[in-house]
Protein backbone atom coordinates (compact mmCIF):
# COMPACT_ATOMS: atom_id res chain seq x y z
CA MET A 1 22.02 -15.31 -51.60
CA THR A 2 20.33 -15.61 -55.08
CA GLN A 3 22.96 -16.49 -57.52
CA SER A 4 25.89 -18.86 -57.35
CA MET A 5 29.58 -17.47 -56.53
CA ARG A 6 29.85 -18.53 -60.39
CA GLN A 7 27.50 -15.73 -61.38
CA GLN A 8 28.40 -13.06 -59.17
CA LEU A 9 31.84 -13.58 -60.37
CA PHE A 10 30.81 -13.31 -64.01
CA ALA A 11 28.47 -10.32 -63.07
CA LEU A 12 32.07 -8.52 -61.29
CA LEU A 13 33.59 -8.93 -64.58
CA ALA A 14 30.80 -7.81 -66.99
CA LYS A 15 30.99 -4.77 -64.54
CA TYR A 16 34.45 -3.74 -64.51
CA GLN A 17 35.88 -5.42 -67.43
CA PRO A 18 39.35 -6.16 -66.27
CA SER A 19 41.67 -6.55 -69.04
CA GLN A 20 44.09 -8.88 -67.08
CA LEU A 21 42.86 -11.47 -64.02
CA TYR A 22 44.72 -13.38 -61.62
CA VAL A 23 43.17 -16.38 -60.56
CA THR A 24 44.93 -18.18 -57.10
CA GLY A 25 44.78 -19.73 -53.98
CA HIS A 26 46.34 -22.24 -51.79
CA SER A 27 45.16 -25.82 -50.98
CA LEU A 28 41.33 -26.12 -51.33
CA GLY A 29 41.35 -22.88 -52.84
CA ALA A 30 44.24 -23.87 -55.08
CA ALA A 31 41.93 -26.69 -56.94
CA LEU A 32 39.20 -24.42 -56.85
CA SER A 33 41.25 -21.86 -58.42
CA GLN A 34 41.97 -23.76 -61.55
CA LEU A 35 38.42 -25.06 -61.66
CA PHE A 36 37.46 -21.53 -62.04
CA SER A 37 40.18 -20.68 -64.46
CA LEU A 38 38.75 -23.50 -66.88
CA ASP A 39 35.29 -22.16 -66.54
CA LEU A 40 36.57 -18.57 -66.95
CA ALA A 41 38.84 -19.65 -70.08
CA ILE A 42 35.58 -21.40 -72.08
CA SER A 43 32.82 -19.14 -70.96
CA GLN A 44 34.66 -15.85 -70.81
CA PRO A 45 37.44 -15.78 -73.01
CA MET A 46 40.31 -12.91 -71.44
CA SER A 47 43.33 -12.74 -70.37
CA THR A 48 43.71 -14.76 -67.32
CA THR A 49 46.74 -15.95 -65.20
CA ASN A 50 46.22 -18.82 -62.85
CA ILE A 51 49.10 -18.92 -59.59
CA ASN A 52 48.39 -21.39 -57.56
CA PHE A 53 50.15 -22.82 -54.28
CA SER A 54 49.93 -26.27 -52.67
CA SER A 55 47.01 -27.70 -54.53
CA PRO A 56 45.64 -30.80 -54.76
CA MET A 57 45.71 -32.65 -57.88
CA VAL A 58 41.66 -32.04 -59.61
CA GLY A 59 41.08 -34.49 -61.66
CA THR A 60 42.15 -37.37 -63.85
CA ILE A 61 43.89 -37.61 -67.55
CA ASP A 62 40.66 -35.96 -69.36
CA TRP A 63 40.64 -33.52 -66.45
CA GLN A 64 44.35 -32.76 -67.21
CA THR A 65 44.35 -32.74 -71.24
CA ALA A 66 41.28 -30.34 -71.22
CA TYR A 67 42.92 -28.35 -68.92
CA ASN A 68 46.18 -27.98 -70.55
CA ALA A 69 44.25 -28.07 -74.40
CA THR A 70 42.78 -24.41 -72.86
CA ILE A 71 45.21 -22.86 -70.59
CA PRO A 72 49.08 -22.56 -71.69
CA ALA A 73 51.47 -24.11 -68.88
CA ALA A 74 53.03 -20.21 -69.16
CA ASN A 75 49.70 -18.71 -67.67
CA SER A 76 48.89 -21.61 -65.07
CA VAL A 77 51.84 -22.42 -62.63
CA ARG A 78 51.70 -24.32 -59.54
CA VAL A 79 54.20 -23.41 -56.79
CA TYR A 80 54.83 -25.89 -53.79
CA ASN A 81 56.67 -27.52 -51.34
CA TYR A 82 58.38 -31.35 -52.01
CA TRP A 83 58.07 -32.16 -48.51
CA ASP A 84 54.50 -31.04 -48.71
CA TYR A 85 52.17 -34.21 -49.09
CA VAL A 86 49.04 -32.25 -50.55
CA PRO A 87 49.88 -31.99 -54.12
CA THR A 88 50.27 -35.40 -54.09
CA LEU A 89 46.75 -35.97 -52.96
CA PRO A 90 44.78 -37.68 -54.61
CA PRO A 91 47.58 -40.53 -55.14
CA SER A 92 48.45 -40.39 -59.45
CA ASP A 93 47.96 -44.66 -58.89
CA LEU A 94 44.14 -43.13 -58.93
CA GLY A 95 44.51 -41.74 -62.13
CA PHE A 96 44.55 -38.20 -60.65
CA HIS A 97 47.14 -35.90 -62.24
CA ALA A 98 48.71 -32.33 -62.21
CA VAL A 99 48.23 -29.74 -64.91
CA GLY A 100 49.62 -26.49 -65.57
CA SER A 101 53.93 -26.12 -65.23
CA ALA A 102 55.52 -26.69 -61.94
CA PHE A 103 57.52 -24.76 -59.84
CA GLN A 104 58.80 -26.36 -56.95
CA THR A 105 60.52 -24.95 -53.97
CA ALA A 106 61.71 -27.33 -50.77
CA PHE A 107 62.02 -26.27 -47.11
CA TYR A 108 61.63 -28.69 -43.81
CA VAL A 109 62.14 -28.22 -40.33
CA LYS A 110 65.31 -28.35 -39.75
CA GLY A 111 66.22 -31.42 -37.08
CA GLU A 112 62.88 -33.07 -36.91
CA TRP A 113 62.00 -36.30 -37.69
CA PHE A 114 58.43 -35.67 -37.74
CA PRO A 115 57.57 -32.57 -37.87
CA HIS A 116 54.10 -30.95 -37.94
CA GLU A 117 52.86 -31.52 -41.70
CA LEU A 118 51.33 -28.05 -41.97
CA SER A 119 54.97 -26.33 -41.44
CA ARG A 120 55.50 -28.17 -44.73
CA HIS A 121 51.71 -26.94 -46.10
CA SER A 122 51.88 -23.78 -44.50
CA VAL A 123 51.66 -20.53 -47.42
CA VAL A 124 53.20 -18.22 -44.74
CA ASN A 125 56.45 -20.70 -44.92
CA LEU A 126 56.01 -21.10 -48.44
CA THR A 127 55.55 -17.16 -49.00
CA THR A 128 59.23 -16.49 -46.82
CA VAL A 129 60.84 -18.99 -49.30
CA LEU A 130 59.49 -18.01 -52.13
CA SER A 131 60.44 -13.99 -51.12
CA HIS A 132 64.13 -15.05 -50.87
CA ALA A 133 64.22 -16.91 -53.77
CA LEU A 134 62.57 -15.03 -56.29
CA PRO A 135 64.64 -12.21 -56.72
CA ALA A 136 67.87 -14.58 -56.45
CA ASN A 137 69.60 -15.32 -59.45
CA PRO A 138 69.43 -18.63 -59.89
CA GLN A 139 66.42 -18.35 -57.94
CA GLN A 140 67.76 -20.14 -55.17
CA TRP A 141 68.05 -19.67 -51.44
CA VAL A 142 69.32 -21.97 -48.36
CA GLY A 143 68.76 -20.17 -45.10
CA PRO A 144 67.35 -20.49 -41.74
CA PHE A 145 63.27 -19.00 -41.18
CA PRO A 146 61.18 -18.76 -38.47
CA ASP A 147 58.44 -21.98 -38.48
CA TYR A 148 55.06 -19.95 -38.26
CA ILE A 149 53.41 -23.48 -37.47
CA GLN A 150 55.79 -24.84 -34.76
CA PRO A 151 58.21 -21.89 -33.96
């Protein structure tokens, strides 16, 4: 490969010239989507929205300040499960901060004292909850669903 991923993506943007771009990812991909969104906002100003799922925190207060000053909160949404550990890492005690606006859900494995951590972090489980809650008014849903990690 002779070009970096960034060069390849920017070449595709130049070729297709989209009017709107959605940048997204889950977990590590969500963290990378935030890095790419800021790079894109500075290097290739265009209409961009970042929607990330279960992202760990990417940087310190300086990162948060730069990101939030460049990308409006309405154009950057972090969707996460309250019971998931990943969005709290690395710990804020070490100076890490989240960016964008938060869209918090809450789901867990009913009746389990020590459920598998991936159940709380699963994008399939998160998508299941969102598909029920988003169309509702208010956006709340209570109900069981099959756990795709620990059936």
